[in-house]
Amino acid sequence: MSAYYKIITEPAILLAGLIIVCLALSLPAQAQQSEMFGPFELHYSVVNTTFLDPKVAATYGITRGKKRGILNLSVREHVAEGTEPRAMMLKGKTWDLIQNQPLEFQKVKEGPAIYYIAEFKFINEEWRFFEVYFRPEGADKTYTFKLKHQLYIN
């Protein structure tokens, strides 16, 4: 499986912190969600790019807009001592009733934390479907993550 992401070498503390804050403020009940895949816990969130500060978005090449969103993924492996972040290879797509888009992931590394973000366009109030194939570092198989999410213009 080939990986579709580029590595960001600049410090990602602003982006990661801002995404977490935006999620906490905008969707308190669904700010951080996760799903287990064997010993791996995949954390995911979807947010409108208008929640990002313009400077932060520019730093990471993210286009802000009312009909633009980002999918944020990270994976942690459950080990005897707790959990540890893992890098992963990703390939994915997103679609609604009208448009189909490949997801191009950017790898953001902040200290030990590793995030993968992908931009996409959406239609107001339309259900958006995501399908991501991922293989965490050290895993012997590729997992499939599927998500259905409704987005609104802010």
N, C-alpha and C. Protein backbone atom coordinates (compact mmCIF):
# COMPACT_ATOMS: atom_id res chain seq x y z
N MET A 1 0.86 -1.17 0.00
CA MET A 1 0.00 0.00 0.00
C MET A 1 0.90 1.23 0.00
N SER A 2 0.62 2.18 -0.86
CA SER A 2 1.41 3.40 -0.87
C SER A 2 0.77 4.41 0.07
N ALA A 3 1.60 5.27 0.63
CA ALA A 3 1.10 6.26 1.58
C ALA A 3 0.91 7.59 0.86
N TYR A 4 -0.21 8.24 1.12
CA TYR A 4 -0.50 9.54 0.52
C TYR A 4 -0.46 10.59 1.63
N TYR A 5 0.73 11.00 1.98
CA TYR A 5 0.87 12.08 2.93
C TYR A 5 2.23 12.72 2.75
N LYS A 6 2.34 13.95 3.22
CA LYS A 6 3.62 14.62 3.22
C LYS A 6 3.95 14.97 4.66
N ILE A 7 5.22 14.96 5.00
CA ILE A 7 5.64 15.20 6.37
C ILE A 7 5.82 16.70 6.58
N ILE A 8 5.26 17.19 7.65
CA ILE A 8 5.45 18.59 8.03
C ILE A 8 6.52 18.61 9.09
N THR A 9 7.59 19.35 8.85
CA THR A 9 8.70 19.36 9.78
C THR A 9 8.63 20.51 10.78
N GLU A 10 7.78 21.50 10.55
CA GLU A 10 7.67 22.62 11.47
C GLU A 10 6.93 22.17 12.72
N PRO A 11 7.16 22.85 13.85
CA PRO A 11 6.42 22.49 15.07
C PRO A 11 4.92 22.59 14.84
N ALA A 12 4.21 21.62 15.31
CA ALA A 12 2.77 21.55 15.06
C ALA A 12 1.93 21.88 16.28
N ILE A 13 2.54 22.44 17.29
CA ILE A 13 1.81 22.68 18.53
C ILE A 13 0.61 23.59 18.33
N LEU A 14 0.73 24.63 17.49
CA LEU A 14 -0.40 25.52 17.26
C LEU A 14 -1.56 24.81 16.60
N LEU A 15 -1.27 24.04 15.58
CA LEU A 15 -2.34 23.35 14.86
C LEU A 15 -3.02 22.32 15.75
N ALA A 16 -2.24 21.47 16.38
CA ALA A 16 -2.82 20.43 17.22
C ALA A 16 -3.62 21.04 18.37
N GLY A 17 -3.04 22.03 19.01
CA GLY A 17 -3.73 22.70 20.12
C GLY A 17 -5.00 23.38 19.66
N LEU A 18 -4.92 24.05 18.51
CA LEU A 18 -6.08 24.75 18.00
C LEU A 18 -7.19 23.79 17.60
N ILE A 19 -6.83 22.69 16.98
CA ILE A 19 -7.85 21.70 16.60
C ILE A 19 -8.55 21.17 17.85
N ILE A 20 -7.79 20.87 18.87
CA ILE A 20 -8.38 20.34 20.11
C ILE A 20 -9.29 21.38 20.76
N VAL A 21 -8.82 22.64 20.82
CA VAL A 21 -9.64 23.70 21.41
C VAL A 21 -10.90 23.91 20.59
N CYS A 22 -10.77 23.97 19.27
CA CYS A 22 -11.94 24.18 18.41
C CYS A 22 -12.95 23.06 18.59
N LEU A 23 -12.47 21.86 18.66
CA LEU A 23 -13.38 20.73 18.83
C LEU A 23 -14.07 20.80 20.18
N ALA A 24 -13.32 21.13 21.21
CA ALA A 24 -13.90 21.21 22.54
C ALA A 24 -14.97 22.29 22.60
N LEU A 25 -14.74 23.41 21.91
CA LEU A 25 -15.71 24.50 21.93
C LEU A 25 -16.91 24.24 21.02
N SER A 26 -16.65 23.62 19.87
CA SER A 26 -17.72 23.49 18.89
C SER A 26 -18.57 22.24 19.06
N LEU A 27 -17.99 21.16 19.48
CA LEU A 27 -18.73 19.90 19.60
C LEU A 27 -18.39 19.21 20.92
N PRO A 28 -18.79 19.77 22.03
CA PRO A 28 -18.38 19.19 23.30
C PRO A 28 -18.73 17.72 23.48
N ALA A 29 -19.85 17.29 22.93
CA ALA A 29 -20.24 15.89 23.11
C ALA A 29 -19.48 14.96 22.19
N GLN A 30 -18.93 15.50 21.08
CA GLN A 30 -18.26 14.66 20.11
C GLN A 30 -16.85 15.16 19.82
N ALA A 31 -16.23 15.89 20.73
CA ALA A 31 -14.95 16.52 20.47
C ALA A 31 -13.87 15.52 20.07
N GLN A 32 -13.75 14.46 20.79
CA GLN A 32 -12.73 13.46 20.46
C GLN A 32 -13.41 12.11 20.47
N GLN A 33 -13.31 11.43 19.36
CA GLN A 33 -13.90 10.11 19.26
C GLN A 33 -12.80 9.13 18.91
N SER A 34 -13.02 7.87 19.25
CA SER A 34 -12.02 6.86 18.92
C SER A 34 -12.69 5.53 18.66
N GLU A 35 -11.93 4.67 18.02
CA GLU A 35 -12.41 3.33 17.70
C GLU A 35 -11.22 2.38 17.81
N MET A 36 -11.46 1.19 18.36
CA MET A 36 -10.39 0.20 18.54
C MET A 36 -10.28 -0.70 17.31
N PHE A 37 -9.02 -0.98 16.94
CA PHE A 37 -8.69 -1.92 15.86
C PHE A 37 -7.59 -2.81 16.42
N GLY A 38 -7.96 -3.95 16.98
CA GLY A 38 -6.97 -4.79 17.66
C GLY A 38 -6.37 -3.99 18.81
N PRO A 39 -5.03 -3.94 18.93
CA PRO A 39 -4.39 -3.18 20.01
C PRO A 39 -4.27 -1.68 19.71
N PHE A 40 -4.80 -1.24 18.57
CA PHE A 40 -4.64 0.14 18.14
C PHE A 40 -5.93 0.93 18.34
N GLU A 41 -5.80 2.12 18.91
CA GLU A 41 -6.93 3.01 19.11
C GLU A 41 -6.78 4.19 18.15
N LEU A 42 -7.70 4.28 17.21
CA LEU A 42 -7.69 5.36 16.23
C LEU A 42 -8.56 6.49 16.74
N HIS A 43 -7.97 7.66 16.92
CA HIS A 43 -8.70 8.86 17.34
C HIS A 43 -9.01 9.67 16.08
N TYR A 44 -10.22 10.20 16.00
CA TYR A 44 -10.61 10.94 14.81
C TYR A 44 -11.49 12.12 15.17
N SER A 45 -11.43 13.14 14.32
CA SER A 45 -12.31 14.29 14.45
C SER A 45 -12.45 14.95 13.09
N VAL A 46 -13.58 15.62 12.92
CA VAL A 46 -13.87 16.36 11.69
C VAL A 46 -14.25 17.77 12.11
N VAL A 47 -13.63 18.78 11.47
CA VAL A 47 -13.95 20.17 11.82
C VAL A 47 -13.91 21.04 10.58
N ASN A 48 -14.71 22.09 10.60
CA ASN A 48 -14.70 23.08 9.53
C ASN A 48 -13.39 23.86 9.61
N THR A 49 -12.82 24.20 8.47
CA THR A 49 -11.55 24.94 8.46
C THR A 49 -11.71 26.37 8.95
N THR A 50 -12.94 26.89 8.98
CA THR A 50 -13.15 28.25 9.47
C THR A 50 -12.84 28.36 10.97
N PHE A 51 -12.76 27.23 11.68
CA PHE A 51 -12.39 27.24 13.08
C PHE A 51 -10.90 27.51 13.28
N LEU A 52 -10.10 27.30 12.23
CA LEU A 52 -8.66 27.49 12.33
C LEU A 52 -8.30 28.96 12.20
N ASP A 53 -7.36 29.40 13.00
CA ASP A 53 -6.81 30.74 12.88
C ASP A 53 -6.16 30.87 11.49
N PRO A 54 -6.35 32.00 10.80
CA PRO A 54 -5.77 32.15 9.46
C PRO A 54 -4.26 31.92 9.41
N LYS A 55 -3.53 32.35 10.43
CA LYS A 55 -2.07 32.15 10.43
C LYS A 55 -1.71 30.67 10.55
N VAL A 56 -2.44 29.95 11.38
CA VAL A 56 -2.19 28.52 11.55
C VAL A 56 -2.51 27.79 10.26
N ALA A 57 -3.63 28.11 9.65
CA ALA A 57 -4.01 27.48 8.39
C ALA A 57 -2.96 27.75 7.32
N ALA A 58 -2.47 28.98 7.24
CA ALA A 58 -1.45 29.33 6.24
C ALA A 58 -0.15 28.57 6.49
N THR A 59 0.22 28.42 7.75
CA THR A 59 1.46 27.69 8.10
C THR A 59 1.44 26.28 7.55
N TYR A 60 0.28 25.64 7.56
CA TYR A 60 0.18 24.25 7.13
C TYR A 60 -0.45 24.08 5.76
N GLY A 61 -0.64 25.19 5.05
CA GLY A 61 -1.18 25.11 3.70
C GLY A 61 -2.62 24.67 3.64
N ILE A 62 -3.37 24.95 4.69
CA ILE A 62 -4.79 24.57 4.74
C ILE A 62 -5.62 25.73 4.22
N THR A 63 -6.50 25.45 3.28
CA THR A 63 -7.38 26.47 2.73
C THR A 63 -8.60 26.60 3.62
N ARG A 64 -8.80 27.79 4.17
CA ARG A 64 -9.98 28.05 4.99
C ARG A 64 -11.15 28.38 4.09
N GLY A 65 -12.34 27.97 4.47
CA GLY A 65 -13.54 28.29 3.71
C GLY A 65 -14.77 27.70 4.36
N LYS A 66 -15.91 28.31 4.07
CA LYS A 66 -17.17 27.87 4.67
C LYS A 66 -17.53 26.45 4.30
N LYS A 67 -17.11 26.00 3.12
CA LYS A 67 -17.47 24.66 2.65
C LYS A 67 -16.25 23.75 2.61
N ARG A 68 -15.33 23.96 3.54
CA ARG A 68 -14.11 23.15 3.59
C ARG A 68 -13.93 22.62 5.02
N GLY A 69 -13.49 21.37 5.10
CA GLY A 69 -13.28 20.75 6.40
C GLY A 69 -11.97 20.00 6.43
N ILE A 70 -11.60 19.52 7.61
CA ILE A 70 -10.43 18.66 7.74
C ILE A 70 -10.80 17.44 8.59
N LEU A 71 -10.22 16.32 8.19
CA LEU A 71 -10.30 15.09 8.96
C LEU A 71 -8.97 14.96 9.68
N ASN A 72 -9.01 14.76 10.98
CA ASN A 72 -7.81 14.64 11.81
C ASN A 72 -7.77 13.23 12.39
N LEU A 73 -6.68 12.49 12.16
CA LEU A 73 -6.53 11.13 12.66
C LEU A 73 -5.23 10.98 13.43
N SER A 74 -5.26 10.16 14.45
CA SER A 74 -4.04 9.74 15.15
C SER A 74 -4.30 8.34 15.69
N VAL A 75 -3.22 7.58 15.85
CA VAL A 75 -3.38 6.21 16.35
C VAL A 75 -2.42 5.97 17.51
N ARG A 76 -2.90 5.25 18.50
CA ARG A 76 -2.10 4.89 19.67
C ARG A 76 -2.21 3.38 19.87
N GLU A 77 -1.10 2.77 20.20
CA GLU A 77 -1.10 1.33 20.47
C GLU A 77 -1.19 1.11 21.97
N HIS A 78 -2.08 0.22 22.38
CA HIS A 78 -2.20 -0.14 23.80
C HIS A 78 -1.10 -1.15 24.11
N VAL A 79 -0.24 -0.78 25.06
CA VAL A 79 0.87 -1.62 25.50
C VAL A 79 0.77 -1.76 27.02
N ALA A 80 1.61 -2.61 27.60
CA ALA A 80 1.54 -2.87 29.04
C ALA A 80 1.66 -1.60 29.87
N GLU A 81 2.47 -0.64 29.42
CA GLU A 81 2.71 0.59 30.17
C GLU A 81 1.66 1.67 29.92
N GLY A 82 0.66 1.41 29.09
CA GLY A 82 -0.36 2.41 28.74
C GLY A 82 -0.57 2.43 27.24
N THR A 83 -0.40 3.60 26.64
CA THR A 83 -0.52 3.73 25.19
C THR A 83 0.66 4.50 24.63
N GLU A 84 0.99 4.22 23.38
CA GLU A 84 2.08 4.91 22.70
C GLU A 84 1.61 5.33 21.31
N PRO A 85 1.98 6.57 20.90
CA PRO A 85 1.61 7.00 19.55
C PRO A 85 2.34 6.19 18.50
N ARG A 86 1.70 6.00 17.37
CA ARG A 86 2.31 5.25 16.26
C ARG A 86 2.14 6.05 14.97
N ALA A 87 3.17 6.00 14.15
CA ALA A 87 3.06 6.51 12.78
C ALA A 87 2.23 5.50 12.01
N MET A 88 1.69 5.92 10.88
CA MET A 88 0.91 4.98 10.08
C MET A 88 0.94 5.37 8.61
N MET A 89 0.68 4.39 7.78
CA MET A 89 0.49 4.64 6.36
C MET A 89 -1.01 4.75 6.13
N LEU A 90 -1.41 5.70 5.29
CA LEU A 90 -2.83 5.97 5.08
C LEU A 90 -3.16 6.12 3.61
N LYS A 91 -4.36 5.74 3.29
CA LYS A 91 -4.93 6.02 1.98
C LYS A 91 -6.43 6.11 2.21
N GLY A 92 -7.06 7.14 1.65
CA GLY A 92 -8.49 7.26 1.91
C GLY A 92 -9.21 8.11 0.90
N LYS A 93 -10.53 8.13 1.06
CA LYS A 93 -11.39 8.92 0.18
C LYS A 93 -12.58 9.41 0.98
N THR A 94 -13.25 10.41 0.43
CA THR A 94 -14.47 10.94 1.03
C THR A 94 -15.44 11.26 -0.09
N TRP A 95 -16.73 11.15 0.22
CA TRP A 95 -17.74 11.40 -0.80
C TRP A 95 -19.06 11.79 -0.17
N ASP A 96 -19.91 12.40 -1.01
CA ASP A 96 -21.31 12.65 -0.66
C ASP A 96 -22.12 12.25 -1.89
N LEU A 97 -23.35 12.71 -2.01
CA LEU A 97 -24.19 12.31 -3.14
C LEU A 97 -23.72 12.90 -4.46
N ILE A 98 -22.92 13.97 -4.42
CA ILE A 98 -22.52 14.66 -5.64
C ILE A 98 -21.03 14.52 -5.96
N GLN A 99 -20.19 14.58 -4.97
CA GLN A 99 -18.75 14.61 -5.24
C GLN A 99 -17.98 13.53 -4.51
N ASN A 100 -16.89 13.10 -5.13
CA ASN A 100 -15.99 12.08 -4.60
C ASN A 100 -14.59 12.68 -4.60
N GLN A 101 -13.87 12.58 -3.48
CA GLN A 101 -12.55 13.19 -3.38
C GLN A 101 -11.56 12.22 -2.72
N PRO A 102 -10.34 12.13 -3.26
CA PRO A 102 -9.31 11.38 -2.53
C PRO A 102 -8.85 12.23 -1.34
N LEU A 103 -8.42 11.60 -0.29
CA LEU A 103 -7.88 12.31 0.86
C LEU A 103 -6.36 12.30 0.78
N GLU A 104 -5.76 13.48 0.85
CA GLU A 104 -4.31 13.60 0.84
C GLU A 104 -3.89 14.03 2.24
N PHE A 105 -3.24 13.14 2.95
CA PHE A 105 -2.90 13.38 4.35
C PHE A 105 -1.55 14.08 4.51
N GLN A 106 -1.51 14.98 5.48
CA GLN A 106 -0.27 15.61 5.91
C GLN A 106 0.06 15.03 7.28
N LYS A 107 1.30 14.68 7.48
CA LYS A 107 1.75 14.16 8.77
C LYS A 107 2.25 15.34 9.60
N VAL A 108 1.72 15.48 10.80
CA VAL A 108 2.10 16.55 11.71
C VAL A 108 2.67 15.89 12.95
N LYS A 109 3.90 16.21 13.29
CA LYS A 109 4.55 15.60 14.46
C LYS A 109 4.85 16.68 15.47
N GLU A 110 4.39 16.47 16.69
CA GLU A 110 4.59 17.41 17.79
C GLU A 110 5.11 16.61 18.99
N GLY A 111 6.40 16.68 19.22
CA GLY A 111 6.99 15.86 20.28
C GLY A 111 6.68 14.40 19.97
N PRO A 112 6.15 13.66 20.93
CA PRO A 112 5.82 12.25 20.65
C PRO A 112 4.49 12.08 19.90
N ALA A 113 3.66 13.13 19.86
CA ALA A 113 2.35 13.03 19.21
C ALA A 113 2.49 13.08 17.69
N ILE A 114 1.66 12.28 17.01
CA ILE A 114 1.65 12.24 15.55
C ILE A 114 0.20 12.34 15.09
N TYR A 115 -0.08 13.32 14.22
CA TYR A 115 -1.41 13.54 13.68
C TYR A 115 -1.35 13.47 12.17
N TYR A 116 -2.45 13.11 11.56
CA TYR A 116 -2.57 13.12 10.11
C TYR A 116 -3.83 13.91 9.78
N ILE A 117 -3.68 14.93 8.94
CA ILE A 117 -4.82 15.76 8.59
C ILE A 117 -5.02 15.75 7.08
N ALA A 118 -6.27 15.79 6.67
CA ALA A 118 -6.63 15.83 5.25
C ALA A 118 -7.78 16.81 5.06
N GLU A 119 -7.65 17.66 4.06
CA GLU A 119 -8.70 18.62 3.73
C GLU A 119 -9.71 18.00 2.77
N PHE A 120 -10.91 18.55 2.79
CA PHE A 120 -11.94 18.12 1.85
C PHE A 120 -12.98 19.23 1.72
N LYS A 121 -13.75 19.19 0.65
CA LYS A 121 -14.85 20.13 0.44
C LYS A 121 -16.15 19.43 0.82
N PHE A 122 -17.15 20.22 1.25
CA PHE A 122 -18.43 19.62 1.60
C PHE A 122 -19.58 20.52 1.21
N ILE A 123 -20.77 19.94 1.18
CA ILE A 123 -22.01 20.65 0.90
C ILE A 123 -22.76 20.78 2.22
N ASN A 124 -23.30 21.96 2.50
CA ASN A 124 -24.00 22.22 3.75
C ASN A 124 -25.11 21.19 4.01
N GLU A 125 -25.11 20.65 5.21
CA GLU A 125 -26.11 19.71 5.72
C GLU A 125 -26.12 18.36 5.01
N GLU A 126 -25.20 18.13 4.11
CA GLU A 126 -25.12 16.85 3.39
C GLU A 126 -24.30 15.86 4.22
N TRP A 127 -24.66 14.61 4.20
CA TRP A 127 -23.87 13.59 4.88
C TRP A 127 -22.59 13.36 4.09
N ARG A 128 -21.47 13.30 4.78
CA ARG A 128 -20.16 13.08 4.17
C ARG A 128 -19.68 11.71 4.65
N PHE A 129 -19.20 10.91 3.74
CA PHE A 129 -18.72 9.58 4.06
C PHE A 129 -17.20 9.56 3.91
N PHE A 130 -16.54 8.85 4.81
CA PHE A 130 -15.09 8.72 4.79
C PHE A 130 -14.74 7.24 4.84
N GLU A 131 -13.73 6.86 4.09
CA GLU A 131 -13.20 5.49 4.15
C GLU A 131 -11.68 5.62 4.10
N VAL A 132 -11.03 5.13 5.15
CA VAL A 132 -9.58 5.25 5.26
C VAL A 132 -8.99 3.87 5.54
N TYR A 133 -7.97 3.53 4.78
CA TYR A 133 -7.20 2.32 5.01
C TYR A 133 -5.92 2.75 5.70
N PHE A 134 -5.62 2.14 6.86
CA PHE A 134 -4.43 2.56 7.59
C PHE A 134 -3.69 1.34 8.14
N ARG A 135 -2.38 1.46 8.18
CA ARG A 135 -1.53 0.42 8.75
C ARG A 135 -0.58 1.10 9.73
N PRO A 136 -0.83 0.92 11.04
CA PRO A 136 0.06 1.51 12.03
C PRO A 136 1.45 0.87 11.97
N GLU A 137 2.44 1.65 12.32
CA GLU A 137 3.82 1.14 12.39
C GLU A 137 3.84 -0.06 13.33
N GLY A 138 4.40 -1.16 12.88
CA GLY A 138 4.48 -2.37 13.69
C GLY A 138 3.29 -3.31 13.53
N ALA A 139 2.26 -2.89 12.80
CA ALA A 139 1.08 -3.75 12.61
C ALA A 139 1.34 -4.74 11.48
N ASP A 140 0.71 -5.89 11.57
CA ASP A 140 0.87 -6.89 10.51
C ASP A 140 -0.32 -6.91 9.56
N LYS A 141 -1.23 -5.94 9.70
CA LYS A 141 -2.37 -5.88 8.79
C LYS A 141 -2.82 -4.44 8.59
N THR A 142 -3.59 -4.24 7.53
CA THR A 142 -4.17 -2.94 7.23
C THR A 142 -5.61 -2.94 7.71
N TYR A 143 -6.01 -1.87 8.37
CA TYR A 143 -7.36 -1.73 8.91
C TYR A 143 -8.17 -0.77 8.05
N THR A 144 -9.48 -0.91 8.10
CA THR A 144 -10.38 -0.02 7.38
C THR A 144 -11.23 0.74 8.38
N PHE A 145 -11.18 2.06 8.28
CA PHE A 145 -11.98 2.94 9.12
C PHE A 145 -13.03 3.62 8.25
N LYS A 146 -14.29 3.56 8.69
CA LYS A 146 -15.39 4.21 7.96
C LYS A 146 -16.12 5.15 8.90
N LEU A 147 -16.50 6.29 8.35
CA LEU A 147 -17.17 7.32 9.15
C LEU A 147 -18.21 8.02 8.29
N LYS A 148 -19.35 8.32 8.88
CA LYS A 148 -20.41 9.10 8.25
C LYS A 148 -20.61 10.32 9.15
N HIS A 149 -20.49 11.51 8.56
CA HIS A 149 -20.54 12.74 9.37
C HIS A 149 -21.29 13.82 8.62
N GLN A 150 -22.14 14.54 9.33
CA GLN A 150 -22.88 15.63 8.70
C GLN A 150 -22.23 16.95 9.08
N LEU A 151 -22.00 17.80 8.09
CA LEU A 151 -21.35 19.09 8.30
C LEU A 151 -22.28 20.24 7.96
N TYR A 152 -22.03 21.37 8.62
CA TYR A 152 -22.84 22.56 8.43
C TYR A 152 -21.94 23.76 8.19
N ILE A 153 -22.41 24.69 7.36
CA ILE A 153 -21.68 25.93 7.14
C ILE A 153 -21.86 26.80 8.38
N ASN A 154 -20.77 27.34 8.87
CA ASN A 154 -20.82 28.22 10.07
C ASN A 154 -20.94 29.66 9.67
